[in-house]
Amino acid sequence: MKILPLLLGLMFSAFLSTAQEDNCACCTDDHKAFDFWLGTWEVTLPNGNKAGQNLIEKIQGGCVLRENWTGANGNFTGTSYNFYNPGTGLWEQLWLDVAGTILKLKGQRTGDQMIMESEETINEDKSVSTQRITWTLQEDGKVRQVWEVLKDGVSAQVLFDGLYSRKE
């Protein structure tokens, strides 16, 4: 008779596990579009010098990608929160760092790239600027991140160009 309660308990546990998976609010393909950036990374500049390290992890039941950046010298840190917004069909990022920088971006995945841009800013010379960050998944699993300033839709300056390699 002790087997029946055990059997019922196992069945109930399996039911709850399946029900939780079926009710996963952020398990769609759209919510997984930026998963290629998940991991613990060493980041290098185009000249091969170390730029820093980055930890990208899912939090809040898989609904948010949190980035924890530490620059090579350890003095510069930043955090971003990235999420898919089903209301707009876009990915959004909020970046905050130790220097007080706040950057808000929106965009989407196209092929092997996640491309996000800030809202437009009108400059003193009346030109229009945006900031754009592109993450490109490489064939070898590395990720290249390029952060640009666009003026009137044309790349005017590269603020960061880093190659992400997974840490072992």
N, C-alpha and C. Protein backbone atom coordinates (compact mmCIF):
# COMPACT_ATOMS: atom_id res chain seq x y z
N MET A 1 0.79 -1.20 0.00
CA MET A 1 0.00 0.00 0.00
C MET A 1 0.84 1.27 0.00
N LYS A 2 2.13 1.17 0.35
CA LYS A 2 2.98 2.33 0.35
C LYS A 2 3.36 2.74 -1.06
N ILE A 3 3.21 1.86 -2.01
CA ILE A 3 3.57 2.15 -3.39
C ILE A 3 2.57 3.11 -4.02
N LEU A 4 1.31 3.03 -3.70
CA LEU A 4 0.29 3.89 -4.28
C LEU A 4 0.56 5.36 -3.99
N PRO A 5 0.81 5.78 -2.75
CA PRO A 5 1.12 7.20 -2.52
C PRO A 5 2.38 7.64 -3.26
N LEU A 6 3.38 6.78 -3.30
CA LEU A 6 4.61 7.12 -4.01
C LEU A 6 4.34 7.29 -5.50
N LEU A 7 3.56 6.39 -6.08
CA LEU A 7 3.22 6.46 -7.49
C LEU A 7 2.41 7.72 -7.79
N LEU A 8 1.44 8.02 -6.94
CA LEU A 8 0.64 9.23 -7.13
C LEU A 8 1.50 10.49 -7.02
N GLY A 9 2.43 10.48 -6.08
CA GLY A 9 3.34 11.61 -5.92
C GLY A 9 4.20 11.83 -7.14
N LEU A 10 4.73 10.75 -7.72
CA LEU A 10 5.54 10.86 -8.92
C LEU A 10 4.72 11.37 -10.10
N MET A 11 3.50 10.89 -10.24
CA MET A 11 2.63 11.34 -11.33
C MET A 11 2.31 12.83 -11.19
N PHE A 12 2.02 13.26 -9.97
CA PHE A 12 1.69 14.67 -9.73
C PHE A 12 2.91 15.55 -10.02
N SER A 13 4.08 15.09 -9.61
CA SER A 13 5.32 15.83 -9.87
C SER A 13 5.57 15.97 -11.37
N ALA A 14 5.37 14.90 -12.11
CA ALA A 14 5.55 14.93 -13.56
C ALA A 14 4.54 15.88 -14.21
N PHE A 15 3.29 15.87 -13.70
CA PHE A 15 2.26 16.76 -14.22
C PHE A 15 2.65 18.22 -13.99
N LEU A 16 3.11 18.56 -12.78
CA LEU A 16 3.51 19.93 -12.49
C LEU A 16 4.67 20.37 -13.36
N SER A 17 5.64 19.50 -13.55
CA SER A 17 6.80 19.82 -14.38
C SER A 17 6.36 20.11 -15.82
N THR A 18 5.48 19.29 -16.37
CA THR A 18 4.98 19.49 -17.73
C THR A 18 4.15 20.75 -17.81
N ALA A 19 3.32 21.00 -16.81
CA ALA A 19 2.48 22.19 -16.81
C ALA A 19 3.34 23.45 -16.76
N GLN A 20 4.42 23.43 -15.98
CA GLN A 20 5.29 24.60 -15.89
C GLN A 20 5.98 24.86 -17.23
N GLU A 21 6.41 23.80 -17.91
CA GLU A 21 7.04 23.97 -19.21
C GLU A 21 6.05 24.51 -20.22
N ASP A 22 4.82 24.01 -20.20
CA ASP A 22 3.80 24.46 -21.14
C ASP A 22 3.40 25.91 -20.90
N ASN A 23 3.55 26.40 -19.68
CA ASN A 23 3.15 27.75 -19.33
C ASN A 23 4.33 28.71 -19.32
N CYS A 24 5.42 28.34 -19.90
CA CYS A 24 6.61 29.20 -19.92
C CYS A 24 6.30 30.45 -20.73
N ALA A 25 6.29 31.58 -20.06
CA ALA A 25 5.91 32.83 -20.72
C ALA A 25 6.94 33.30 -21.74
N CYS A 26 8.18 32.88 -21.59
CA CYS A 26 9.25 33.42 -22.44
C CYS A 26 10.02 32.32 -23.17
N CYS A 27 9.33 31.29 -23.60
CA CYS A 27 9.97 30.16 -24.27
C CYS A 27 9.72 30.13 -25.77
N THR A 28 9.27 31.24 -26.33
CA THR A 28 9.03 31.27 -27.78
C THR A 28 10.35 31.45 -28.52
N ASP A 29 10.33 31.20 -29.81
CA ASP A 29 11.53 31.42 -30.63
C ASP A 29 11.96 32.88 -30.58
N ASP A 30 11.01 33.81 -30.54
CA ASP A 30 11.34 35.24 -30.45
C ASP A 30 12.10 35.53 -29.16
N HIS A 31 11.67 34.92 -28.06
CA HIS A 31 12.34 35.12 -26.77
C HIS A 31 13.73 34.49 -26.75
N LYS A 32 13.98 33.53 -27.63
CA LYS A 32 15.28 32.84 -27.67
C LYS A 32 16.21 33.42 -28.73
N ALA A 33 15.79 34.47 -29.43
CA ALA A 33 16.55 35.00 -30.56
C ALA A 33 17.92 35.53 -30.19
N PHE A 34 18.13 35.90 -28.93
CA PHE A 34 19.41 36.47 -28.50
C PHE A 34 20.20 35.48 -27.65
N ASP A 35 19.75 34.23 -27.59
CA ASP A 35 20.42 33.22 -26.77
C ASP A 35 21.85 32.95 -27.21
N PHE A 36 22.20 33.29 -28.46
CA PHE A 36 23.57 33.05 -28.91
C PHE A 36 24.59 33.88 -28.12
N TRP A 37 24.12 34.89 -27.39
CA TRP A 37 25.01 35.75 -26.61
C TRP A 37 25.19 35.24 -25.18
N LEU A 38 24.42 34.23 -24.78
CA LEU A 38 24.53 33.69 -23.43
C LEU A 38 25.90 33.05 -23.22
N GLY A 39 26.44 33.24 -22.02
CA GLY A 39 27.68 32.57 -21.67
C GLY A 39 28.61 33.47 -20.88
N THR A 40 29.79 32.91 -20.62
CA THR A 40 30.86 33.64 -19.96
C THR A 40 31.94 33.86 -21.01
N TRP A 41 32.32 35.12 -21.21
CA TRP A 41 33.14 35.50 -22.35
C TRP A 41 34.39 36.27 -21.96
N GLU A 42 35.47 36.04 -22.71
CA GLU A 42 36.64 36.91 -22.75
C GLU A 42 36.46 37.76 -24.00
N VAL A 43 36.67 39.06 -23.87
CA VAL A 43 36.44 39.96 -25.00
C VAL A 43 37.75 40.64 -25.36
N THR A 44 38.08 40.59 -26.66
CA THR A 44 39.30 41.22 -27.15
C THR A 44 38.98 42.28 -28.20
N LEU A 45 39.88 43.23 -28.32
CA LEU A 45 39.78 44.29 -29.32
C LEU A 45 40.36 43.79 -30.64
N PRO A 46 40.14 44.51 -31.74
CA PRO A 46 40.69 44.07 -33.03
C PRO A 46 42.21 43.87 -33.03
N ASN A 47 42.93 44.62 -32.16
CA ASN A 47 44.39 44.47 -32.09
C ASN A 47 44.82 43.28 -31.22
N GLY A 48 43.85 42.54 -30.67
CA GLY A 48 44.14 41.37 -29.85
C GLY A 48 44.24 41.64 -28.36
N ASN A 49 44.27 42.91 -27.97
CA ASN A 49 44.33 43.24 -26.55
C ASN A 49 43.02 42.90 -25.86
N LYS A 50 43.13 42.52 -24.60
CA LYS A 50 41.94 42.18 -23.83
C LYS A 50 41.13 43.45 -23.55
N ALA A 51 39.83 43.41 -23.86
CA ALA A 51 38.93 44.52 -23.56
C ALA A 51 38.26 44.32 -22.21
N GLY A 52 37.97 43.05 -21.88
CA GLY A 52 37.31 42.76 -20.62
C GLY A 52 36.69 41.39 -20.64
N GLN A 53 35.78 41.19 -19.71
CA GLN A 53 35.04 39.93 -19.65
C GLN A 53 33.57 40.24 -19.44
N ASN A 54 32.75 39.31 -19.86
CA ASN A 54 31.32 39.54 -19.82
C ASN A 54 30.59 38.24 -19.47
N LEU A 55 29.61 38.36 -18.62
CA LEU A 55 28.75 37.23 -18.26
C LEU A 55 27.34 37.60 -18.71
N ILE A 56 26.78 36.78 -19.60
CA ILE A 56 25.42 36.99 -20.08
C ILE A 56 24.61 35.79 -19.60
N GLU A 57 23.58 36.04 -18.80
CA GLU A 57 22.78 34.95 -18.24
C GLU A 57 21.30 35.29 -18.29
N LYS A 58 20.49 34.23 -18.32
CA LYS A 58 19.04 34.41 -18.29
C LYS A 58 18.59 34.48 -16.83
N ILE A 59 17.70 35.44 -16.56
CA ILE A 59 17.11 35.59 -15.25
C ILE A 59 15.61 35.77 -15.42
N GLN A 60 14.91 35.84 -14.32
CA GLN A 60 13.45 36.05 -14.33
C GLN A 60 12.74 35.00 -15.18
N GLY A 61 13.02 33.75 -14.86
CA GLY A 61 12.35 32.65 -15.56
C GLY A 61 12.68 32.58 -17.04
N GLY A 62 13.84 33.09 -17.43
CA GLY A 62 14.25 33.06 -18.83
C GLY A 62 13.72 34.22 -19.64
N CYS A 63 13.08 35.19 -18.99
CA CYS A 63 12.49 36.33 -19.72
C CYS A 63 13.47 37.48 -19.95
N VAL A 64 14.59 37.50 -19.22
CA VAL A 64 15.54 38.62 -19.29
C VAL A 64 16.95 38.07 -19.45
N LEU A 65 17.72 38.67 -20.35
CA LEU A 65 19.15 38.41 -20.44
C LEU A 65 19.84 39.54 -19.70
N ARG A 66 20.62 39.18 -18.68
CA ARG A 66 21.37 40.19 -17.93
C ARG A 66 22.84 40.09 -18.30
N GLU A 67 23.41 41.22 -18.65
CA GLU A 67 24.83 41.33 -18.98
C GLU A 67 25.56 41.95 -17.80
N ASN A 68 26.68 41.35 -17.42
CA ASN A 68 27.56 41.90 -16.38
C ASN A 68 28.94 42.07 -16.98
N TRP A 69 29.29 43.31 -17.33
CA TRP A 69 30.54 43.64 -17.99
C TRP A 69 31.57 44.12 -16.98
N THR A 70 32.81 43.66 -17.15
CA THR A 70 33.94 44.19 -16.40
C THR A 70 35.06 44.44 -17.39
N GLY A 71 35.54 45.70 -17.43
CA GLY A 71 36.62 46.06 -18.33
C GLY A 71 37.92 45.39 -17.91
N ALA A 72 38.90 45.39 -18.81
CA ALA A 72 40.17 44.69 -18.59
C ALA A 72 40.89 45.14 -17.33
N ASN A 73 40.80 46.43 -16.98
CA ASN A 73 41.50 46.90 -15.79
C ASN A 73 40.68 46.70 -14.51
N GLY A 74 39.43 46.24 -14.67
CA GLY A 74 38.56 45.97 -13.52
C GLY A 74 37.86 47.19 -12.95
N ASN A 75 38.19 48.39 -13.44
CA ASN A 75 37.59 49.61 -12.90
C ASN A 75 36.28 50.00 -13.58
N PHE A 76 36.05 49.53 -14.80
CA PHE A 76 34.84 49.91 -15.53
C PHE A 76 33.88 48.73 -15.56
N THR A 77 32.71 48.93 -15.02
CA THR A 77 31.69 47.88 -15.01
C THR A 77 30.38 48.44 -15.55
N GLY A 78 29.57 47.53 -16.06
CA GLY A 78 28.26 47.92 -16.55
C GLY A 78 27.34 46.71 -16.58
N THR A 79 26.06 47.00 -16.60
CA THR A 79 25.04 45.96 -16.63
C THR A 79 23.99 46.35 -17.65
N SER A 80 23.55 45.37 -18.41
CA SER A 80 22.41 45.62 -19.28
C SER A 80 21.34 44.57 -19.02
N TYR A 81 20.12 44.99 -19.28
CA TYR A 81 18.96 44.11 -19.21
C TYR A 81 18.37 44.08 -20.60
N ASN A 82 18.22 42.89 -21.15
CA ASN A 82 17.75 42.69 -22.52
C ASN A 82 16.53 41.80 -22.49
N PHE A 83 15.50 42.18 -23.24
CA PHE A 83 14.27 41.39 -23.24
C PHE A 83 13.52 41.57 -24.54
N TYR A 84 12.76 40.55 -24.87
CA TYR A 84 11.88 40.60 -26.03
C TYR A 84 10.55 41.18 -25.58
N ASN A 85 10.08 42.20 -26.28
CA ASN A 85 8.81 42.85 -25.97
C ASN A 85 7.77 42.36 -26.98
N PRO A 86 6.88 41.44 -26.59
CA PRO A 86 5.90 40.92 -27.54
C PRO A 86 4.91 41.98 -28.02
N GLY A 87 4.76 43.05 -27.26
CA GLY A 87 3.85 44.13 -27.67
C GLY A 87 4.34 44.89 -28.89
N THR A 88 5.67 45.01 -29.02
CA THR A 88 6.24 45.73 -30.16
C THR A 88 6.89 44.78 -31.16
N GLY A 89 7.16 43.54 -30.74
CA GLY A 89 7.86 42.60 -31.60
C GLY A 89 9.35 42.90 -31.68
N LEU A 90 9.87 43.70 -30.73
CA LEU A 90 11.28 44.10 -30.75
C LEU A 90 11.99 43.65 -29.48
N TRP A 91 13.30 43.51 -29.60
CA TRP A 91 14.16 43.33 -28.43
C TRP A 91 14.51 44.71 -27.91
N GLU A 92 14.65 44.82 -26.60
CA GLU A 92 15.02 46.09 -25.98
C GLU A 92 16.19 45.86 -25.03
N GLN A 93 17.04 46.88 -24.92
CA GLN A 93 18.16 46.82 -23.98
C GLN A 93 18.21 48.12 -23.19
N LEU A 94 18.46 47.97 -21.89
CA LEU A 94 18.75 49.10 -21.02
C LEU A 94 20.14 48.86 -20.45
N TRP A 95 21.09 49.75 -20.79
CA TRP A 95 22.48 49.64 -20.32
C TRP A 95 22.71 50.72 -19.27
N LEU A 96 23.35 50.34 -18.17
CA LEU A 96 23.72 51.25 -17.09
C LEU A 96 25.15 50.92 -16.69
N ASP A 97 25.98 51.95 -16.46
CA ASP A 97 27.35 51.65 -16.05
C ASP A 97 27.85 52.56 -14.95
N VAL A 98 29.06 52.26 -14.49
CA VAL A 98 29.66 52.95 -13.36
C VAL A 98 29.93 54.43 -13.67
N ALA A 99 30.01 54.80 -14.94
CA ALA A 99 30.22 56.20 -15.33
C ALA A 99 28.91 56.98 -15.39
N GLY A 100 27.80 56.31 -15.11
CA GLY A 100 26.50 56.98 -15.17
C GLY A 100 25.85 56.98 -16.53
N THR A 101 26.42 56.25 -17.46
CA THR A 101 25.84 56.17 -18.81
C THR A 101 24.55 55.36 -18.77
N ILE A 102 23.55 55.88 -19.45
CA ILE A 102 22.28 55.17 -19.63
C ILE A 102 22.03 55.12 -21.14
N LEU A 103 21.86 53.92 -21.65
CA LEU A 103 21.61 53.75 -23.08
C LEU A 103 20.41 52.83 -23.24
N LYS A 104 19.45 53.28 -24.04
CA LYS A 104 18.26 52.47 -24.34
C LYS A 104 18.27 52.16 -25.82
N LEU A 105 18.12 50.88 -26.14
CA LEU A 105 18.16 50.42 -27.53
C LEU A 105 16.96 49.53 -27.82
N LYS A 106 16.59 49.48 -29.10
CA LYS A 106 15.53 48.58 -29.57
C LYS A 106 15.95 48.01 -30.91
N GLY A 107 15.55 46.77 -31.17
CA GLY A 107 15.86 46.19 -32.47
C GLY A 107 15.39 44.76 -32.58
N GLN A 108 15.99 44.04 -33.53
CA GLN A 108 15.57 42.67 -33.76
C GLN A 108 16.70 41.87 -34.38
N ARG A 109 16.50 40.57 -34.36
CA ARG A 109 17.48 39.67 -34.98
C ARG A 109 17.17 39.54 -36.45
N THR A 110 18.24 39.63 -37.24
CA THR A 110 18.15 39.41 -38.68
C THR A 110 19.27 38.45 -39.04
N GLY A 111 18.93 37.24 -39.42
CA GLY A 111 19.94 36.23 -39.72
C GLY A 111 20.77 35.93 -38.48
N ASP A 112 22.09 36.06 -38.60
CA ASP A 112 22.99 35.80 -37.48
C ASP A 112 23.34 37.07 -36.71
N GLN A 113 22.53 38.12 -36.85
CA GLN A 113 22.82 39.38 -36.17
C GLN A 113 21.64 39.86 -35.34
N MET A 114 21.96 40.39 -34.16
CA MET A 114 21.01 41.15 -33.37
C MET A 114 21.44 42.60 -33.54
N ILE A 115 20.52 43.43 -34.03
CA ILE A 115 20.84 44.83 -34.31
C ILE A 115 19.86 45.70 -33.52
N MET A 116 20.42 46.56 -32.66
CA MET A 116 19.59 47.46 -31.86
C MET A 116 20.09 48.89 -32.01
N GLU A 117 19.15 49.84 -32.01
CA GLU A 117 19.48 51.26 -32.14
C GLU A 117 18.78 52.08 -31.08
N SER A 118 19.41 53.21 -30.76
CA SER A 118 18.80 54.17 -29.83
C SER A 118 17.82 55.05 -30.60
N GLU A 119 17.09 55.87 -29.86
CA GLU A 119 16.25 56.87 -30.50
C GLU A 119 17.15 57.96 -31.07
N GLU A 120 16.61 58.75 -31.97
CA GLU A 120 17.38 59.81 -32.60
C GLU A 120 17.64 60.97 -31.64
N THR A 121 18.82 61.58 -31.83
CA THR A 121 19.21 62.78 -31.09
C THR A 121 19.54 63.85 -32.12
N ILE A 122 19.04 65.06 -31.92
CA ILE A 122 19.38 66.18 -32.81
C ILE A 122 20.62 66.86 -32.24
N ASN A 123 21.68 66.94 -33.05
CA ASN A 123 22.93 67.54 -32.63
C ASN A 123 22.91 69.04 -32.83
N GLU A 124 23.92 69.73 -32.27
CA GLU A 124 24.02 71.19 -32.41
C GLU A 124 24.08 71.62 -33.87
N ASP A 125 24.72 70.82 -34.72
CA ASP A 125 24.83 71.16 -36.14
C ASP A 125 23.59 70.72 -36.94
N LYS A 126 22.54 70.34 -36.21
CA LYS A 126 21.24 69.93 -36.78
C LYS A 126 21.28 68.55 -37.43
N SER A 127 22.41 67.85 -37.35
CA SER A 127 22.45 66.48 -37.85
C SER A 127 21.73 65.57 -36.84
N VAL A 128 21.35 64.42 -37.31
CA VAL A 128 20.62 63.46 -36.48
C VAL A 128 21.55 62.28 -36.18
N SER A 129 21.68 61.95 -34.88
CA SER A 129 22.54 60.84 -34.46
C SER A 129 21.72 59.74 -33.80
N THR A 130 22.17 58.53 -34.00
CA THR A 130 21.68 57.38 -33.24
C THR A 130 22.89 56.54 -32.88
N GLN A 131 22.71 55.69 -31.90
CA GLN A 131 23.74 54.71 -31.57
C GLN A 131 23.19 53.35 -31.96
N ARG A 132 24.05 52.56 -32.58
CA ARG A 132 23.64 51.23 -33.03
C ARG A 132 24.66 50.21 -32.54
N ILE A 133 24.15 49.13 -31.97
CA ILE A 133 25.02 48.02 -31.59
C ILE A 133 24.57 46.79 -32.36
N THR A 134 25.55 46.13 -32.97
CA THR A 134 25.30 44.91 -33.75
C THR A 134 26.11 43.78 -33.14
N TRP A 135 25.42 42.71 -32.79
CA TRP A 135 26.06 41.48 -32.32
C TRP A 135 25.95 40.47 -33.44
N THR A 136 27.08 39.91 -33.89
CA THR A 136 27.08 38.97 -34.99
C THR A 136 27.63 37.63 -34.51
N LEU A 137 26.83 36.58 -34.67
CA LEU A 137 27.26 35.23 -34.34
C LEU A 137 28.18 34.74 -35.45
N GLN A 138 29.41 34.39 -35.08
CA GLN A 138 30.40 33.89 -36.03
C GLN A 138 30.22 32.37 -36.21
N GLU A 139 30.73 31.84 -37.29
CA GLU A 139 30.61 30.41 -37.57
C GLU A 139 31.26 29.55 -36.48
N ASP A 140 32.30 30.06 -35.82
CA ASP A 140 33.00 29.29 -34.79
C ASP A 140 32.39 29.46 -33.39
N GLY A 141 31.23 30.14 -33.31
CA GLY A 141 30.55 30.31 -32.03
C GLY A 141 30.92 31.58 -31.29
N LYS A 142 31.94 32.28 -31.79
CA LYS A 142 32.29 33.56 -31.18
C LYS A 142 31.25 34.60 -31.58
N VAL A 143 31.23 35.72 -30.88
CA VAL A 143 30.29 36.79 -31.18
C VAL A 143 31.08 38.09 -31.32
N ARG A 144 30.83 38.82 -32.38
CA ARG A 144 31.46 40.13 -32.59
C ARG A 144 30.42 41.19 -32.26
N GLN A 145 30.83 42.15 -31.44
CA GLN A 145 29.95 43.26 -31.08
C GLN A 145 30.57 44.56 -31.58
N VAL A 146 29.80 45.31 -32.38
CA VAL A 146 30.26 46.60 -32.89
C VAL A 146 29.24 47.66 -32.46
N TRP A 147 29.75 48.69 -31.77
CA TRP A 147 28.92 49.80 -31.28
C TRP A 147 29.33 51.04 -32.08
N GLU A 148 28.37 51.58 -32.83
CA GLU A 148 28.63 52.71 -33.71
C GLU A 148 27.76 53.90 -33.36
N VAL A 149 28.25 55.08 -33.72
CA VAL A 149 27.43 56.28 -33.74
C VAL A 149 27.12 56.55 -35.20
N LEU A 150 25.84 56.68 -35.51
CA LEU A 150 25.41 57.00 -36.87
C LEU A 150 25.00 58.46 -36.92
N LYS A 151 25.45 59.16 -37.95
CA LYS A 151 25.00 60.54 -38.18
C LYS A 151 24.26 60.54 -39.50
N ASP A 152 23.03 60.96 -39.44
CA ASP A 152 22.17 60.97 -40.62
C ASP A 152 22.16 59.60 -41.30
N GLY A 153 22.16 58.54 -40.47
CA GLY A 153 22.05 57.18 -40.97
C GLY A 153 23.33 56.53 -41.44
N VAL A 154 24.45 57.24 -41.36
CA VAL A 154 25.73 56.73 -41.83
C VAL A 154 26.68 56.58 -40.64
N SER A 155 27.43 55.48 -40.61
CA SER A 155 28.37 55.25 -39.52
C SER A 155 29.42 56.36 -39.49
N ALA A 156 29.48 57.09 -38.37
CA ALA A 156 30.42 58.19 -38.22
C ALA A 156 31.56 57.85 -37.27
N GLN A 157 31.32 56.91 -36.34
CA GLN A 157 32.34 56.57 -35.36
C GLN A 157 32.05 55.20 -34.77
N VAL A 158 33.10 54.40 -34.58
CA VAL A 158 32.97 53.13 -33.88
C VAL A 158 33.44 53.35 -32.46
N LEU A 159 32.52 53.14 -31.51
CA LEU A 159 32.84 53.33 -30.10
C LEU A 159 33.46 52.07 -29.48
N PHE A 160 33.09 50.90 -30.02
CA PHE A 160 33.60 49.65 -29.50
C PHE A 160 33.51 48.58 -30.56
N ASP A 161 34.55 47.77 -30.65
CA ASP A 161 34.57 46.63 -31.56
C ASP A 161 35.23 45.49 -30.80
N GLY A 162 34.43 44.54 -30.34
CA GLY A 162 34.97 43.47 -29.52
C GLY A 162 34.59 42.09 -30.04
N LEU A 163 35.51 41.16 -29.86
CA LEU A 163 35.26 39.77 -30.24
C LEU A 163 35.13 38.95 -28.96
N TYR A 164 33.98 38.30 -28.81
CA TYR A 164 33.66 37.49 -27.64
C TYR A 164 34.08 36.05 -27.89
N SER A 165 34.92 35.52 -27.00
CA SER A 165 35.32 34.12 -27.05
C SER A 165 34.91 33.48 -25.73
N ARG A 166 34.28 32.33 -25.81
CA ARG A 166 33.81 31.66 -24.60
C ARG A 166 34.96 31.26 -23.69
N LYS A 167 34.78 31.51 -22.40
CA LYS A 167 35.77 31.08 -21.41
C LYS A 167 35.51 29.60 -21.12
N GLU A 168 36.56 28.88 -20.91
CA GLU A 168 36.44 27.45 -20.60
C GLU A 168 36.12 27.25 -19.15
